[in-house]
Amino acid sequence: IDVSDILYLEAEKGVSHGITYHTVNGSKITVLGTLGAEAKRLGENFLRVHRSFLVAKKQMIGLHGGSLILSDQRQIPCSLRMQTEVKRWLQKK
């Protein structure tokens, strides 16, 4: 997967160490790994917004309540602890 095609990564609850890559074209790919390891590998262009979600910063367009709104209008959870950092990044954008 090209990094620019990644919308977000989600930890799979039913698969031990399973991570699903969600892409901008709607496809999904599940691999074995951890979000922590993927966050290090993908670098500063991605932000861990929730225990189970790692998001491409360029795909974030808004925050509504406890949900992060992505460029395809999909909403994913954003932890209360991360909302301040997400708001700060959205203001810079």
N, C-alpha and C. Protein backbone atom coordinates (compact mmCIF):
# COMPACT_ATOMS: atom_id res chain seq x y z
N ILE A 1 0.86 -1.19 0.00
CA ILE A 1 0.00 0.00 0.00
C ILE A 1 0.89 1.24 0.00
N ASP A 2 0.55 2.18 -0.84
CA ASP A 2 1.25 3.46 -0.84
C ASP A 2 0.77 4.25 0.38
N VAL A 3 1.69 4.84 1.12
CA VAL A 3 1.35 5.58 2.35
C VAL A 3 0.31 6.67 2.07
N SER A 4 0.38 7.30 0.91
CA SER A 4 -0.57 8.38 0.59
C SER A 4 -2.00 7.85 0.39
N ASP A 5 -2.15 6.54 0.21
CA ASP A 5 -3.48 5.94 0.04
C ASP A 5 -4.13 5.53 1.35
N ILE A 6 -3.40 5.61 2.46
CA ILE A 6 -3.93 5.17 3.75
C ILE A 6 -4.80 6.25 4.37
N LEU A 7 -6.02 5.88 4.71
CA LEU A 7 -6.94 6.76 5.42
C LEU A 7 -6.70 6.62 6.92
N TYR A 8 -6.80 5.38 7.42
CA TYR A 8 -6.51 5.10 8.82
C TYR A 8 -6.26 3.61 9.02
N LEU A 9 -5.71 3.29 10.19
CA LEU A 9 -5.48 1.91 10.60
C LEU A 9 -6.35 1.64 11.82
N GLU A 10 -6.88 0.44 11.88
CA GLU A 10 -7.74 0.07 13.00
C GLU A 10 -7.28 -1.27 13.59
N ALA A 11 -7.14 -1.31 14.91
CA ALA A 11 -6.81 -2.57 15.58
C ALA A 11 -8.06 -3.45 15.57
N GLU A 12 -7.89 -4.69 15.18
CA GLU A 12 -9.02 -5.63 15.11
C GLU A 12 -9.22 -6.31 16.45
N LYS A 13 -10.43 -6.24 16.97
CA LYS A 13 -10.72 -6.84 18.27
C LYS A 13 -10.77 -8.36 18.21
N GLY A 14 -11.23 -8.92 17.12
CA GLY A 14 -11.39 -10.37 17.00
C GLY A 14 -10.15 -11.11 16.55
N VAL A 15 -9.11 -10.39 16.15
CA VAL A 15 -7.88 -11.02 15.63
C VAL A 15 -6.71 -10.55 16.49
N SER A 16 -6.05 -11.49 17.14
CA SER A 16 -4.92 -11.12 17.98
C SER A 16 -3.83 -10.47 17.13
N HIS A 17 -3.46 -9.26 17.46
CA HIS A 17 -2.46 -8.46 16.74
C HIS A 17 -2.86 -8.21 15.28
N GLY A 18 -4.14 -8.15 15.01
CA GLY A 18 -4.60 -7.85 13.66
C GLY A 18 -4.82 -6.36 13.50
N ILE A 19 -4.36 -5.82 12.40
CA ILE A 19 -4.54 -4.40 12.07
C ILE A 19 -5.14 -4.32 10.68
N THR A 20 -6.18 -3.51 10.53
CA THR A 20 -6.77 -3.32 9.21
C THR A 20 -6.41 -1.94 8.69
N TYR A 21 -5.83 -1.91 7.49
CA TYR A 21 -5.55 -0.66 6.80
C TYR A 21 -6.80 -0.30 6.01
N HIS A 22 -7.33 0.90 6.21
CA HIS A 22 -8.46 1.40 5.42
C HIS A 22 -7.88 2.44 4.46
N THR A 23 -8.18 2.29 3.17
CA THR A 23 -7.60 3.19 2.17
C THR A 23 -8.62 4.19 1.65
N VAL A 24 -8.12 5.21 0.97
CA VAL A 24 -8.98 6.26 0.45
C VAL A 24 -9.95 5.75 -0.61
N ASN A 25 -9.60 4.65 -1.28
CA ASN A 25 -10.52 4.12 -2.30
C ASN A 25 -11.52 3.11 -1.73
N GLY A 26 -11.52 2.93 -0.40
CA GLY A 26 -12.50 2.08 0.25
C GLY A 26 -12.07 0.65 0.49
N SER A 27 -10.89 0.28 0.05
CA SER A 27 -10.45 -1.10 0.27
C SER A 27 -9.89 -1.27 1.68
N LYS A 28 -9.86 -2.52 2.13
CA LYS A 28 -9.35 -2.84 3.46
C LYS A 28 -8.36 -4.00 3.33
N ILE A 29 -7.27 -3.90 4.09
CA ILE A 29 -6.29 -4.97 4.11
C ILE A 29 -5.93 -5.23 5.57
N THR A 30 -6.07 -6.48 6.01
CA THR A 30 -5.75 -6.83 7.39
C THR A 30 -4.41 -7.57 7.43
N VAL A 31 -3.55 -7.13 8.35
CA VAL A 31 -2.23 -7.73 8.52
C VAL A 31 -2.00 -7.98 10.01
N LEU A 32 -0.95 -8.72 10.32
CA LEU A 32 -0.58 -8.92 11.72
C LEU A 32 0.44 -7.87 12.12
N GLY A 33 0.28 -7.31 13.30
CA GLY A 33 1.17 -6.28 13.81
C GLY A 33 0.52 -5.54 14.95
N THR A 34 1.14 -4.46 15.38
CA THR A 34 0.56 -3.63 16.44
C THR A 34 0.48 -2.18 15.95
N LEU A 35 -0.46 -1.44 16.49
CA LEU A 35 -0.58 -0.04 16.10
C LEU A 35 0.65 0.76 16.53
N GLY A 36 1.22 0.40 17.67
CA GLY A 36 2.43 1.09 18.13
C GLY A 36 3.58 0.94 17.16
N ALA A 37 3.78 -0.29 16.68
CA ALA A 37 4.86 -0.54 15.71
C ALA A 37 4.58 0.18 14.40
N GLU A 38 3.33 0.17 13.95
CA GLU A 38 2.98 0.84 12.70
C GLU A 38 3.11 2.36 12.84
N ALA A 39 2.78 2.90 13.99
CA ALA A 39 2.92 4.34 14.22
C ALA A 39 4.38 4.76 14.07
N LYS A 40 5.29 3.95 14.62
CA LYS A 40 6.72 4.25 14.49
C LYS A 40 7.16 4.15 13.04
N ARG A 41 6.69 3.13 12.35
CA ARG A 41 7.09 2.90 10.97
C ARG A 41 6.55 3.99 10.04
N LEU A 42 5.31 4.42 10.25
CA LEU A 42 4.68 5.41 9.37
C LEU A 42 5.13 6.84 9.67
N GLY A 43 5.54 7.10 10.89
CA GLY A 43 6.12 8.40 11.23
C GLY A 43 5.13 9.48 11.63
N GLU A 44 5.60 10.71 11.57
CA GLU A 44 4.87 11.85 12.11
C GLU A 44 3.65 12.29 11.30
N ASN A 45 3.44 11.72 10.14
CA ASN A 45 2.26 12.07 9.35
C ASN A 45 1.01 11.32 9.80
N PHE A 46 1.16 10.48 10.83
CA PHE A 46 0.03 9.72 11.38
C PHE A 46 -0.10 10.04 12.86
N LEU A 47 -1.33 10.00 13.35
CA LEU A 47 -1.61 10.34 14.74
C LEU A 47 -2.48 9.27 15.37
N ARG A 48 -2.09 8.80 16.53
CA ARG A 48 -2.88 7.82 17.28
C ARG A 48 -3.97 8.60 18.00
N VAL A 49 -5.20 8.51 17.52
CA VAL A 49 -6.30 9.31 18.06
C VAL A 49 -7.16 8.54 19.06
N HIS A 50 -6.91 7.24 19.17
CA HIS A 50 -7.70 6.37 20.03
C HIS A 50 -6.89 5.10 20.24
N ARG A 51 -7.21 4.35 21.26
CA ARG A 51 -6.50 3.10 21.51
C ARG A 51 -6.48 2.20 20.29
N SER A 52 -7.55 2.24 19.50
CA SER A 52 -7.70 1.33 18.36
C SER A 52 -7.52 1.97 17.00
N PHE A 53 -7.17 3.27 16.93
CA PHE A 53 -7.11 3.95 15.64
C PHE A 53 -5.87 4.81 15.48
N LEU A 54 -5.26 4.69 14.30
CA LEU A 54 -4.12 5.50 13.88
C LEU A 54 -4.53 6.14 12.55
N VAL A 55 -4.52 7.48 12.48
CA VAL A 55 -5.09 8.19 11.34
C VAL A 55 -4.03 9.00 10.60
N ALA A 56 -4.14 9.04 9.27
CA ALA A 56 -3.29 9.92 8.47
C ALA A 56 -3.73 11.36 8.74
N LYS A 57 -2.82 12.19 9.20
CA LYS A 57 -3.17 13.57 9.57
C LYS A 57 -3.82 14.33 8.41
N LYS A 58 -3.33 14.12 7.19
CA LYS A 58 -3.87 14.87 6.06
C LYS A 58 -5.31 14.49 5.75
N GLN A 59 -5.80 13.37 6.29
CA GLN A 59 -7.16 12.92 6.04
C GLN A 59 -8.16 13.46 7.07
N MET A 60 -7.66 14.10 8.14
CA MET A 60 -8.54 14.64 9.19
C MET A 60 -9.09 15.99 8.75
N ILE A 61 -10.43 16.13 8.80
CA ILE A 61 -11.01 17.42 8.41
C ILE A 61 -11.83 18.08 9.51
N GLY A 62 -12.17 17.36 10.57
CA GLY A 62 -12.95 17.99 11.63
C GLY A 62 -13.13 17.08 12.82
N LEU A 63 -13.68 17.68 13.87
CA LEU A 63 -13.95 16.96 15.10
C LEU A 63 -15.36 17.33 15.53
N HIS A 64 -16.19 16.33 15.78
CA HIS A 64 -17.57 16.57 16.18
C HIS A 64 -17.86 15.70 17.38
N GLY A 65 -17.99 16.33 18.55
CA GLY A 65 -18.16 15.56 19.77
C GLY A 65 -16.94 14.70 19.99
N GLY A 66 -17.14 13.41 20.17
CA GLY A 66 -16.01 12.50 20.37
C GLY A 66 -15.60 11.78 19.10
N SER A 67 -16.05 12.29 17.95
CA SER A 67 -15.73 11.63 16.67
C SER A 67 -14.86 12.51 15.80
N LEU A 68 -13.90 11.87 15.16
CA LEU A 68 -13.03 12.53 14.21
C LEU A 68 -13.63 12.33 12.82
N ILE A 69 -13.76 13.40 12.06
CA ILE A 69 -14.33 13.33 10.72
C ILE A 69 -13.18 13.29 9.72
N LEU A 70 -13.25 12.29 8.83
CA LEU A 70 -12.20 12.11 7.84
C LEU A 70 -12.63 12.67 6.48
N SER A 71 -11.70 12.72 5.56
CA SER A 71 -11.94 13.34 4.25
C SER A 71 -13.07 12.67 3.46
N ASP A 72 -13.36 11.40 3.73
CA ASP A 72 -14.46 10.72 3.04
C ASP A 72 -15.77 10.80 3.84
N GLN A 73 -15.80 11.68 4.84
CA GLN A 73 -16.94 11.92 5.73
C GLN A 73 -17.17 10.79 6.74
N ARG A 74 -16.30 9.81 6.76
CA ARG A 74 -16.39 8.73 7.75
C ARG A 74 -16.04 9.31 9.11
N GLN A 75 -16.65 8.79 10.16
CA GLN A 75 -16.36 9.23 11.51
C GLN A 75 -15.80 8.07 12.31
N ILE A 76 -14.71 8.33 13.02
CA ILE A 76 -14.12 7.32 13.88
C ILE A 76 -13.94 7.94 15.27
N PRO A 77 -13.86 7.11 16.31
CA PRO A 77 -13.73 7.66 17.66
C PRO A 77 -12.40 8.38 17.88
N CYS A 78 -12.47 9.42 18.68
CA CYS A 78 -11.27 10.15 19.09
C CYS A 78 -11.32 10.23 20.61
N SER A 79 -10.28 9.75 21.28
CA SER A 79 -10.28 9.74 22.74
C SER A 79 -10.29 11.17 23.27
N LEU A 80 -10.86 11.33 24.43
CA LEU A 80 -10.93 12.63 25.08
C LEU A 80 -9.53 13.21 25.26
N ARG A 81 -8.59 12.36 25.61
CA ARG A 81 -7.20 12.78 25.83
C ARG A 81 -6.56 13.34 24.57
N MET A 82 -6.96 12.85 23.40
CA MET A 82 -6.33 13.28 22.14
C MET A 82 -7.06 14.44 21.46
N GLN A 83 -8.24 14.81 21.91
CA GLN A 83 -9.02 15.83 21.22
C GLN A 83 -8.31 17.18 21.17
N THR A 84 -7.60 17.56 22.21
CA THR A 84 -6.88 18.84 22.20
C THR A 84 -5.81 18.85 21.12
N GLU A 85 -5.06 17.75 21.02
CA GLU A 85 -4.01 17.67 20.01
C GLU A 85 -4.61 17.67 18.60
N VAL A 86 -5.71 16.98 18.41
CA VAL A 86 -6.38 16.94 17.11
C VAL A 86 -6.85 18.34 16.73
N LYS A 87 -7.47 19.05 17.67
CA LYS A 87 -7.94 20.43 17.40
C LYS A 87 -6.78 21.33 17.02
N ARG A 88 -5.67 21.18 17.74
CA ARG A 88 -4.48 22.00 17.46
C ARG A 88 -3.99 21.73 16.04
N TRP A 89 -3.94 20.46 15.66
CA TRP A 89 -3.47 20.13 14.30
C TRP A 89 -4.43 20.63 13.24
N LEU A 90 -5.74 20.53 13.49
CA LEU A 90 -6.72 20.99 12.52
C LEU A 90 -6.64 22.51 12.31
N GLN A 91 -6.30 23.24 13.36
CA GLN A 91 -6.17 24.70 13.24
C GLN A 91 -4.95 25.09 12.40
N LYS A 92 -3.89 24.29 12.47
CA LYS A 92 -2.68 24.54 11.68
C LYS A 92 -2.91 24.30 10.19
N LYS A 93 -3.76 23.35 9.89
CA LYS A 93 -3.99 22.87 8.54
C LYS A 93 -4.43 23.91 7.58
